C-alpha atoms as a PDB file:
ATOM      1  CA  UNK A   1      78.271 119.435 180.211  1.00  0.00           C
ATOM      2  CA  UNK A   2      77.257 119.863 176.739  1.00  0.00           C
ATOM      3  CA  UNK A   3      73.572 119.874 175.370  1.00  0.00           C
ATOM      4  CA  UNK A   4      72.373 118.376 171.903  1.00  0.00           C
ATOM      5  CA  UNK A   5      70.254 121.666 171.534  1.00  0.00           C
ATOM      6  CA  UNK A   6      73.040 123.684 170.819  1.00  0.00           C
ATOM      7  CA  UNK A   7      75.533 123.014 167.820  1.00  0.00           C
ATOM      8  CA  UNK A   8      79.137 122.105 169.087  1.00  0.00           C
ATOM      9  CA  UNK A   9      80.381 120.898 166.126  1.00  0.00           C
ATOM     10  CA  UNK A  10      80.564 123.862 163.187  1.00  0.00           C
ATOM     11  CA  UNK A  11      80.746 121.405 160.285  1.00  0.00           C
ATOM     12  CA  UNK A  12      78.738 123.615 157.955  1.00  0.00           C
ATOM     13  CA  UNK A  13      80.963 126.540 158.444  1.00  0.00           C
ATOM     14  CA  UNK A  14      83.815 124.516 157.944  1.00  0.00           C
ATOM     15  CA  UNK A  15      82.505 123.207 154.788  1.00  0.00           C
ATOM     16  CA  UNK A  16      81.488 126.301 153.405  1.00  0.00           C
ATOM     17  CA  UNK A  17      84.944 128.101 154.096  1.00  0.00           C
ATOM     18  CA  UNK A  18      86.609 124.948 152.448  1.00  0.00           C
ATOM     19  CA  UNK A  19      84.375 125.544 149.718  1.00  0.00           C
ATOM     20  CA  UNK A  20      85.302 129.586 149.615  1.00  0.00           C
ATOM     21  CA  UNK A  21      89.350 128.644 149.622  1.00  0.00           C
ATOM     22  CA  UNK A  22      88.730 126.393 146.667  1.00  0.00           C
ATOM     23  CA  UNK A  23      87.054 129.127 144.503  1.00  0.00           C
ATOM     24  CA  UNK A  24      89.397 131.878 145.709  1.00  0.00           C
ATOM     25  CA  UNK A  25      92.334 129.611 145.574  1.00  0.00           C
ATOM     26  CA  UNK A  26      92.112 127.066 142.538  1.00  0.00           C
ATOM     27  CA  UNK A  27      89.391 128.145 140.338  1.00  0.00           C
ATOM     28  CA  UNK A  28      92.146 127.351 137.391  1.00  0.00           C
ATOM     29  CA  UNK A  29      91.775 123.939 138.238  1.00  0.00           C
ATOM     30  CA  UNK A  30      88.100 123.612 138.048  1.00  0.00           C
ATOM     31  CA  UNK A  31      88.305 125.779 135.021  1.00  0.00           C
ATOM     32  CA  UNK A  32      90.030 122.955 133.275  1.00  0.00           C
ATOM     33  CA  UNK A  33      88.079 120.298 134.383  1.00  0.00           C
ATOM     34  CA  UNK A  34      85.192 122.077 133.091  1.00  0.00           C
ATOM     35  CA  UNK A  35      86.763 122.629 129.552  1.00  0.00           C
ATOM     36  CA  UNK A  36      87.061 119.088 128.021  1.00  0.00           C
ATOM     37  CA  UNK A  37      83.430 118.985 129.382  1.00  0.00           C
ATOM     38  CA  UNK A  38      82.270 121.961 127.652  1.00  0.00           C
ATOM     39  CA  UNK A  39      84.252 121.569 124.563  1.00  0.00           C
ATOM     40  CA  UNK A  40      82.147 117.801 124.055  1.00  0.00           C
ATOM     41  CA  UNK A  41      79.029 119.202 124.945  1.00  0.00           C
ATOM     42  CA  UNK A  42      79.133 121.773 122.563  1.00  0.00           C
ATOM     43  CA  UNK A  43      79.924 119.843 119.748  1.00  0.00           C
ATOM     44  CA  UNK A  44      77.165 117.095 120.408  1.00  0.00           C
ATOM     45  CA  UNK A  45      74.872 119.668 120.928  1.00  0.00           C
ATOM     46  CA  UNK A  46      75.611 121.514 117.840  1.00  0.00           C
ATOM     47  CA  UNK A  47      75.576 118.562 116.362  1.00  0.00           C
ATOM     48  CA  UNK A  48      71.999 117.295 117.129  1.00  0.00           C
ATOM     49  CA  UNK A  49      70.629 120.797 116.899  1.00  0.00           C
ATOM     50  CA  UNK A  50      71.903 121.267 112.927  1.00  0.00           C
ATOM     51  CA  UNK A  51      71.049 117.839 111.974  1.00  0.00           C
ATOM     52  CA  UNK A  52      67.519 118.061 109.915  1.00  0.00           C
ATOM     53  CA  UNK A  53      64.947 116.264 112.564  1.00  0.00           C
ATOM     54  CA  UNK A  54      64.258 113.731 110.076  1.00  0.00           C
ATOM     55  CA  UNK A  55      67.767 112.470 110.140  1.00  0.00           C
ATOM     56  CA  UNK A  56      68.008 112.095 113.712  1.00  0.00           C
ATOM     57  CA  UNK A  57      64.836 110.086 113.636  1.00  0.00           C
ATOM     58  CA  UNK A  58      65.972 107.846 110.780  1.00  0.00           C
ATOM     59  CA  UNK A  59      69.139 107.462 112.574  1.00  0.00           C
ATOM     60  CA  UNK A  60      67.660 106.538 116.031  1.00  0.00           C
ATOM     61  CA  UNK A  61      65.084 104.720 114.626  1.00  0.00           C
ATOM     62  CA  UNK A  62      67.496 102.491 112.382  1.00  0.00           C
ATOM     63  CA  UNK A  63      69.763 101.940 115.638  1.00  0.00           C
ATOM     64  CA  UNK A  64      66.474 100.289 117.683  1.00  0.00           C
ATOM     65  CA  UNK A  65      65.718  98.540 114.526  1.00  0.00           C
ATOM     66  CA  UNK A  66      69.319  96.775 114.477  1.00  0.00           C
ATOM     67  CA  UNK A  67      69.432  96.419 118.175  1.00  0.00           C
ATOM     68  CA  UNK A  68      66.025  95.066 119.016  1.00  0.00           C
ATOM     69  CA  UNK A  69      63.834  94.590 115.756  1.00  0.00           C
ATOM     70  CA  UNK A  70      61.199  96.578 113.763  1.00  0.00           C
ATOM     71  CA  UNK A  71      58.963  97.056 116.409  1.00  0.00           C
ATOM     72  CA  UNK A  72      61.108  99.159 118.867  1.00  0.00           C
ATOM     73  CA  UNK A  73      62.396 101.119 115.327  1.00  0.00           C
ATOM     74  CA  UNK A  74      58.634 102.143 114.629  1.00  0.00           C
ATOM     75  CA  UNK A  75      58.348 102.897 117.916  1.00  0.00           C
ATOM     76  CA  UNK A  76      61.384 104.971 117.871  1.00  0.00           C
ATOM     77  CA  UNK A  77      60.128 106.734 115.088  1.00  0.00           C
ATOM     78  CA  UNK A  78      56.480 107.426 116.466  1.00  0.00           C
ATOM     79  CA  UNK A  79      57.965 108.678 119.584  1.00  0.00           C
ATOM     80  CA  UNK A  80      60.264 111.340 118.426  1.00  0.00           C
ATOM     81  CA  UNK A  81      57.500 112.067 116.268  1.00  0.00           C
ATOM     82  CA  UNK A  82      55.228 112.842 118.453  1.00  0.00           C
ATOM     83  CA  UNK A  83      57.771 115.036 120.758  1.00  0.00           C
ATOM     84  CA  UNK A  84      58.537 117.233 117.709  1.00  0.00           C
ATOM     85  CA  UNK A  85      54.542 117.480 117.216  1.00  0.00           C
ATOM     86  CA  UNK A  86      54.852 118.606 120.839  1.00  0.00           C
ATOM     87  CA  UNK A  87      57.179 121.291 120.161  1.00  0.00           C
ATOM     88  CA  UNK A  88      59.795 119.997 122.432  1.00  0.00           C
ATOM     89  CA  UNK A  89      62.426 119.251 119.603  1.00  0.00           C
ATOM     90  CA  UNK A  90      65.182 121.345 120.734  1.00  0.00           C
ATOM     91  CA  UNK A  91      65.004 120.522 123.946  1.00  0.00           C
ATOM     92  CA  UNK A  92      64.635 117.129 123.148  1.00  0.00           C
ATOM     93  CA  UNK A  93      68.081 117.318 121.298  1.00  0.00           C
ATOM     94  CA  UNK A  94      69.453 119.458 124.377  1.00  0.00           C
ATOM     95  CA  UNK A  95      68.722 116.594 126.954  1.00  0.00           C
ATOM     96  CA  UNK A  96      70.066 113.653 124.379  1.00  0.00           C
ATOM     97  CA  UNK A  97      73.605 115.913 124.145  1.00  0.00           C
ATOM     98  CA  UNK A  98      73.806 116.195 127.818  1.00  0.00           C
ATOM     99  CA  UNK A  99      72.674 112.657 128.340  1.00  0.00           C
ATOM    100  CA  UNK A 100      75.197 111.376 125.815  1.00  0.00           C
ATOM    101  CA  UNK A 101      78.315 113.767 127.161  1.00  0.00           C
ATOM    102  CA  UNK A 102      77.303 112.564 130.913  1.00  0.00           C
ATOM    103  CA  UNK A 103      77.643 108.733 129.648  1.00  0.00           C
ATOM    104  CA  UNK A 104      80.903 109.665 127.793  1.00  0.00           C
ATOM    105  CA  UNK A 105      82.937 110.529 130.686  1.00  0.00           C
ATOM    106  CA  UNK A 106      81.184 107.947 132.767  1.00  0.00           C
ATOM    107  CA  UNK A 107      82.542 105.495 130.452  1.00  0.00           C
ATOM    108  CA  UNK A 108      85.836 106.811 130.311  1.00  0.00           C
ATOM    109  CA  UNK A 109      86.415 107.186 133.793  1.00  0.00           C
ATOM    110  CA  UNK A 110      83.765 104.246 135.352  1.00  0.00           C
ATOM    111  CA  UNK A 111      85.051 101.289 132.870  1.00  0.00           C
ATOM    112  CA  UNK A 112      89.076 101.695 134.058  1.00  0.00           C
ATOM    113  CA  UNK A 113      88.032 102.181 137.469  1.00  0.00           C
ATOM    114  CA  UNK A 114      86.115  99.233 137.716  1.00  0.00           C
ATOM    115  CA  UNK A 115      88.428  96.808 136.027  1.00  0.00           C
ATOM    116  CA  UNK A 116      90.917  97.954 138.690  1.00  0.00           C
ATOM    117  CA  UNK A 117      88.530  97.187 141.297  1.00  0.00           C
ATOM    118  CA  UNK A 118      87.583  94.243 139.954  1.00  0.00           C
ATOM    119  CA  UNK A 119      91.266  93.099 139.991  1.00  0.00           C
ATOM    120  CA  UNK A 120      92.450  94.527 143.233  1.00  0.00           C
ATOM    121  CA  UNK A 121      90.338  93.960 146.439  1.00  0.00           C
ATOM    122  CA  UNK A 122      92.399  96.540 148.294  1.00  0.00           C
ATOM    123  CA  UNK A 123      91.415  98.964 145.622  1.00  0.00           C
ATOM    124  CA  UNK A 124      87.951  97.827 145.538  1.00  0.00           C
ATOM    125  CA  UNK A 125      87.550  98.150 149.582  1.00  0.00           C
ATOM    126  CA  UNK A 126      88.519 101.558 149.139  1.00  0.00           C
ATOM    127  CA  UNK A 127      86.546 102.576 146.841  1.00  0.00           C
ATOM    128  CA  UNK A 128      83.146 101.480 148.060  1.00  0.00           C
ATOM    129  CA  UNK A 129      82.872 104.253 150.733  1.00  0.00           C
ATOM    130  CA  UNK A 130      83.160 106.794 148.034  1.00  0.00           C
ATOM    131  CA  UNK A 131      80.510 104.962 145.505  1.00  0.00           C
ATOM    132  CA  UNK A 132      78.032 104.685 148.191  1.00  0.00           C
ATOM    133  CA  UNK A 133      78.261 108.501 149.379  1.00  0.00           C
ATOM    134  CA  UNK A 134      77.991 109.564 145.483  1.00  0.00           C
ATOM    135  CA  UNK A 135      74.612 107.453 145.212  1.00  0.00           C
ATOM    136  CA  UNK A 136      72.941 108.009 148.368  1.00  0.00           C
ATOM    137  CA  UNK A 137      73.983 111.589 148.920  1.00  0.00           C
ATOM    138  CA  UNK A 138      71.013 113.619 147.649  1.00  0.00           C
ATOM    139  CA  UNK A 139      71.752 115.440 144.349  1.00  0.00           C
ATOM    140  CA  UNK A 140      70.458 119.247 146.110  1.00  0.00           C
ATOM    141  CA  UNK A 141      73.563 118.370 148.415  1.00  0.00           C
ATOM    142  CA  UNK A 142      76.041 118.562 145.937  1.00  0.00           C
ATOM    143  CA  UNK A 143      74.597 120.810 143.675  1.00  0.00           C
ATOM    144  CA  UNK A 144      75.319 124.245 145.391  1.00  0.00           C
ATOM    145  CA  UNK A 145      79.191 123.182 145.896  1.00  0.00           C
ATOM    146  CA  UNK A 146      79.201 122.685 141.845  1.00  0.00           C
ATOM    147  CA  UNK A 147      77.581 125.664 141.233  1.00  0.00           C
ATOM    148  CA  UNK A 148      79.913 127.674 143.120  1.00  0.00           C
ATOM    149  CA  UNK A 149      82.858 126.112 141.525  1.00  0.00           C
ATOM    150  CA  UNK A 150      81.661 125.350 138.025  1.00  0.00           C
ATOM    151  CA  UNK A 151      78.870 128.294 137.304  1.00  0.00           C
ATOM    152  CA  UNK A 152      75.359 127.498 136.230  1.00  0.00           C
ATOM    153  CA  UNK A 153      74.573 126.195 133.113  1.00  0.00           C
ATOM    154  CA  UNK A 154      74.316 123.048 130.604  1.00  0.00           C
ATOM    155  CA  UNK A 155      78.268 122.161 131.929  1.00  0.00           C
ATOM    156  CA  UNK A 156      77.202 122.484 135.632  1.00  0.00           C
ATOM    157  CA  UNK A 157      74.575 119.950 134.759  1.00  0.00           C
ATOM    158  CA  UNK A 158      76.607 117.494 133.524  1.00  0.00           C
ATOM    159  CA  UNK A 159      79.343 117.590 135.546  1.00  0.00           C
ATOM    160  CA  UNK A 160      76.436 116.599 138.939  1.00  0.00           C
ATOM    161  CA  UNK A 161      75.199 114.225 136.462  1.00  0.00           C
ATOM    162  CA  UNK A 162      78.257 112.589 135.995  1.00  0.00           C
ATOM    163  CA  UNK A 163      78.840 112.198 139.625  1.00  0.00           C
ATOM    164  CA  UNK A 164      75.205 111.059 139.996  1.00  0.00           C
ATOM    165  CA  UNK A 165      75.568 108.467 137.293  1.00  0.00           C
ATOM    166  CA  UNK A 166      78.979 107.437 137.817  1.00  0.00           C
ATOM    167  CA  UNK A 167      79.028 104.513 140.233  1.00  0.00           C
ATOM    168  CA  UNK A 168      76.753 101.943 138.365  1.00  0.00           C
ATOM    169  CA  UNK A 169      79.074 101.511 135.749  1.00  0.00           C
ATOM    170  CA  UNK A 170      81.810 101.337 138.060  1.00  0.00           C
ATOM    171  CA  UNK A 171      79.867  98.853 139.985  1.00  0.00           C
ATOM    172  CA  UNK A 172      78.853  96.573 137.549  1.00  0.00           C
ATOM    173  CA  UNK A 173      82.153  96.582 135.804  1.00  0.00           C
ATOM    174  CA  UNK A 174      83.742  95.472 138.964  1.00  0.00           C
ATOM    175  CA  UNK A 175      81.171  92.856 139.361  1.00  0.00           C
ATOM    176  CA  UNK A 176      81.424  91.844 135.732  1.00  0.00           C
ATOM    177  CA  UNK A 177      85.141  91.033 135.933  1.00  0.00           C
ATOM    178  CA  UNK A 178      85.138  89.231 138.936  1.00  0.00           C
ATOM    179  CA  UNK A 179      82.422  86.947 137.700  1.00  0.00           C
ATOM    180  CA  UNK A 180      84.756  85.528 135.001  1.00  0.00           C
ATOM    181  CA  UNK A 181      85.883  82.288 136.279  1.00  0.00           C
ATOM    182  CA  UNK A 182      89.344  81.891 137.700  1.00  0.00           C
ATOM    183  CA  UNK A 183      90.051  78.924 135.918  1.00  0.00           C
ATOM    184  CA  UNK A 184      89.852  80.324 132.856  1.00  0.00           C
ATOM    185  CA  UNK A 185      92.048  83.073 133.936  1.00  0.00           C
ATOM    186  CA  UNK A 186      94.453  80.493 135.062  1.00  0.00           C
ATOM    187  CA  UNK A 187      94.045  78.626 131.631  1.00  0.00           C
ATOM    188  CA  UNK A 188      94.918  81.889 129.696  1.00  0.00           C
ATOM    189  CA  UNK A 189      97.830  82.364 131.815  1.00  0.00           C
ATOM    190  CA  UNK A 190      99.086  78.529 131.909  1.00  0.00           C
ATOM    191  CA  UNK A 191      99.173  78.974 127.865  1.00  0.00           C
ATOM    192  CA  UNK A 192     101.354  81.842 127.870  1.00  0.00           C
ATOM    193  CA  UNK A 193      99.082  84.811 128.085  1.00  0.00           C
ATOM    194  CA  UNK A 194     100.119  88.383 129.682  1.00  0.00           C
ATOM    195  CA  UNK A 195      98.098  90.255 132.097  1.00  0.00           C
ATOM    196  CA  UNK A 196      97.115  92.627 129.439  1.00  0.00           C
ATOM    197  CA  UNK A 197      96.424  89.602 126.947  1.00  0.00           C
ATOM    198  CA  UNK A 198      94.064  88.308 130.122  1.00  0.00           C
ATOM    199  CA  UNK A 199      92.347  91.249 130.470  1.00  0.00           C
ATOM    200  CA  UNK A 200      91.501  92.525 127.089  1.00  0.00           C
ATOM    201  CA  UNK A 201      90.721  88.702 125.338  1.00  0.00           C
ATOM    202  CA  UNK A 202      89.226  87.099 128.577  1.00  0.00           C
ATOM    203  CA  UNK A 203      88.114  89.047 131.022  1.00  0.00           C
ATOM    204  CA  UNK A 204      86.865  91.878 129.185  1.00  0.00           C
ATOM    205  CA  UNK A 205      84.621  90.022 126.526  1.00  0.00           C
ATOM    206  CA  UNK A 206      83.138  88.301 129.466  1.00  0.00           C
ATOM    207  CA  UNK A 207      82.403  90.593 131.495  1.00  0.00           C
ATOM    208  CA  UNK A 208      80.409  92.854 128.393  1.00  0.00           C
ATOM    209  CA  UNK A 209      76.974  92.033 129.349  1.00  0.00           C
ATOM    210  CA  UNK A 210      77.417  92.814 132.884  1.00  0.00           C
ATOM    211  CA  UNK A 211      79.358  96.157 131.545  1.00  0.00           C
ATOM    212  CA  UNK A 212      76.598  96.966 129.136  1.00  0.00           C
ATOM    213  CA  UNK A 213      73.861  96.520 131.845  1.00  0.00           C
ATOM    214  CA  UNK A 214      75.930  99.036 133.830  1.00  0.00           C
ATOM    215  CA  UNK A 215      75.835 101.649 131.381  1.00  0.00           C
ATOM    216  CA  UNK A 216      72.375 100.979 130.790  1.00  0.00           C
ATOM    217  CA  UNK A 217      71.681 101.999 134.579  1.00  0.00           C
ATOM    218  CA  UNK A 218      74.010 105.055 133.860  1.00  0.00           C
ATOM    219  CA  UNK A 219      71.824 106.362 130.897  1.00  0.00           C
ATOM    220  CA  UNK A 220      68.869 105.974 133.078  1.00  0.00           C
ATOM    221  CA  UNK A 221      70.748 107.639 136.290  1.00  0.00           C
ATOM    222  CA  UNK A 222      71.762 110.141 133.500  1.00  0.00           C
ATOM    223  CA  UNK A 223      68.003 110.866 132.472  1.00  0.00           C
ATOM    224  CA  UNK A 224      66.570 110.956 135.869  1.00  0.00           C
ATOM    225  CA  UNK A 225      69.075 113.801 136.699  1.00  0.00           C
ATOM    226  CA  UNK A 226      67.833 116.034 133.654  1.00  0.00           C
ATOM    227  CA  UNK A 227      65.048 118.239 135.901  1.00  0.00           C
ATOM    228  CA  UNK A 228      67.416 118.486 138.715  1.00  0.00           C
ATOM    229  CA  UNK A 229      69.885 120.017 136.655  1.00  0.00           C
ATOM    230  CA  UNK A 230      67.326 122.525 135.286  1.00  0.00           C
ATOM    231  CA  UNK A 231      67.285 124.012 138.613  1.00  0.00           C
ATOM    232  CA  UNK A 232      71.172 125.054 137.981  1.00  0.00           C
ATOM    233  CA  UNK A 233      70.404 126.826 134.580  1.00  0.00           C
ATOM    234  CA  UNK A 234      70.751 123.620 132.477  1.00  0.00           C
ATOM    235  CA  UNK A 235      68.366 123.684 129.515  1.00  0.00           C
ATOM    236  CA  UNK A 236      66.440 120.607 127.629  1.00  0.00           C
ATOM    237  CA  UNK A 237      63.345 118.539 128.706  1.00  0.00           C
ATOM    238  CA  UNK A 238      63.899 119.775 132.612  1.00  0.00           C
ATOM    239  CA  UNK A 239      63.404 123.335 131.829  1.00  0.00           C
ATOM    240  CA  UNK A 240      59.373 123.135 131.026  1.00  0.00           C
ATOM    241  CA  UNK A 241      58.835 120.825 133.879  1.00  0.00           C
ATOM    242  CA  UNK A 242      60.370 123.080 136.144  1.00  0.00           C
ATOM    243  CA  UNK A 243      59.090 126.143 134.484  1.00  0.00           C
ATOM    244  CA  UNK A 244      55.537 124.128 134.817  1.00  0.00           C
ATOM    245  CA  UNK A 245      56.131 123.498 138.845  1.00  0.00           C
ATOM    246  CA  UNK A 246      57.066 126.974 139.459  1.00  0.00           C
ATOM    247  CA  UNK A 247      53.987 128.490 137.498  1.00  0.00           C
ATOM    248  CA  UNK A 248      51.623 125.398 138.551  1.00  0.00           C
ATOM    249  CA  UNK A 249      51.005 124.817 134.547  1.00  0.00           C
ATOM    250  CA  UNK A 250      50.410 121.312 135.101  1.00  0.00           C
ATOM    251  CA  UNK A 251      50.083 120.902 131.346  1.00  0.00           C
ATOM    252  CA  UNK A 252      53.447 122.267 130.601  1.00  0.00           C
ATOM    253  CA  UNK A 253      55.157 120.052 133.415  1.00  0.00           C
ATOM    254  CA  UNK A 254      53.586 116.957 132.615  1.00  0.00           C
ATOM    255  CA  UNK A 255      54.542 116.867 128.319  1.00  0.00           C
ATOM    256  CA  UNK A 256      57.972 117.841 129.539  1.00  0.00           C
ATOM    257  CA  UNK A 257      57.690 114.743 131.623  1.00  0.00           C
ATOM    258  CA  UNK A 258      56.147 112.699 129.434  1.00  0.00           C
ATOM    259  CA  UNK A 259      59.144 113.291 126.912  1.00  0.00           C
ATOM    260  CA  UNK A 260      61.689 112.203 128.998  1.00  0.00           C
ATOM    261  CA  UNK A 261      60.149 109.244 129.711  1.00  0.00           C
ATOM    262  CA  UNK A 262      59.770 108.024 126.335  1.00  0.00           C
ATOM    263  CA  UNK A 263      63.143 109.300 125.399  1.00  0.00           C
ATOM    264  CA  UNK A 264      64.460 106.618 128.399  1.00  0.00           C
ATOM    265  CA  UNK A 265      62.184 103.841 127.322  1.00  0.00           C
ATOM    266  CA  UNK A 266      63.805 104.140 123.557  1.00  0.00           C
ATOM    267  CA  UNK A 267      67.381 104.545 124.948  1.00  0.00           C
ATOM    268  CA  UNK A 268      66.636 101.788 127.564  1.00  0.00           C
ATOM    269  CA  UNK A 269      65.428  99.771 124.790  1.00  0.00           C
ATOM    270  CA  UNK A 270      68.016  99.893 122.488  1.00  0.00           C
ATOM    271  CA  UNK A 271      70.811  99.436 125.354  1.00  0.00           C
ATOM    272  CA  UNK A 272      69.261  96.388 127.150  1.00  0.00           C
ATOM    273  CA  UNK A 273      69.051  94.616 123.756  1.00  0.00           C
ATOM    274  CA  UNK A 274      72.737  95.180 122.831  1.00  0.00           C
ATOM    275  CA  UNK A 275      73.481  93.690 126.171  1.00  0.00           C
ATOM    276  CA  UNK A 276      71.359  90.677 125.426  1.00  0.00           C
ATOM    277  CA  UNK A 277      72.860  90.327 121.729  1.00  0.00           C
ATOM    278  CA  UNK A 278      76.551  90.546 123.816  1.00  0.00           C
ATOM    279  CA  UNK A 279      75.138  87.694 125.965  1.00  0.00           C
ATOM    280  CA  UNK A 280      73.962  85.612 122.705  1.00  0.00           C
END
């Protein structure tokens, strides 16, 4: 007779053995996964750091103005100048590079997967438990295997962010495709359109506002991982927050957190406005 006070199923030991086996036998595979992320992140980060701050400010302000109007453009200028005056410009560029890199790979993977789920009920049912697990598993749980498989640093932080931020764009792309009225699809098929033509000229254009909402949520979730990624050696605005927590320096932690919030507001308003434009 067993007791619940004793461990009967050594699942933790099995998982540790599995990770050790993967690290020893398939490191080449995980390095192959890491390589494109590392190259993309390095290119974006080097580009953002090399460009003079005034040019970055003007580009983002112009994007904000074109997306939402003059008020958001001015707010973007004030926000970025304020962050620069706090001495956090380079950390902000590193964070922005990590977020952009994460969003690029989330988009490349998430939109095609979401389209497949939107067009196949069987694939959607099979995919749903995986997305649930990705969204509900605490980030600290999969930081350990990511560190063991990919080492520490910005690339590991981006990979952890991709896992965390991928589900929203898949779910909302799936939702957008399913919300396209069946009669529109039937009409396109009746006029002789192929499956690809229906997808590219009917379903994706009509689903684009919902897809943009998914992109917006992915960006927000990527930014929310900045501090957690800093725990595994990633730089950026999460570093001063973690350092402030470790040293009980509330001022340092506060300005790091404030910079993250301001960047999140700017990116959120730009992507929300782009989604609204697609609806109109």
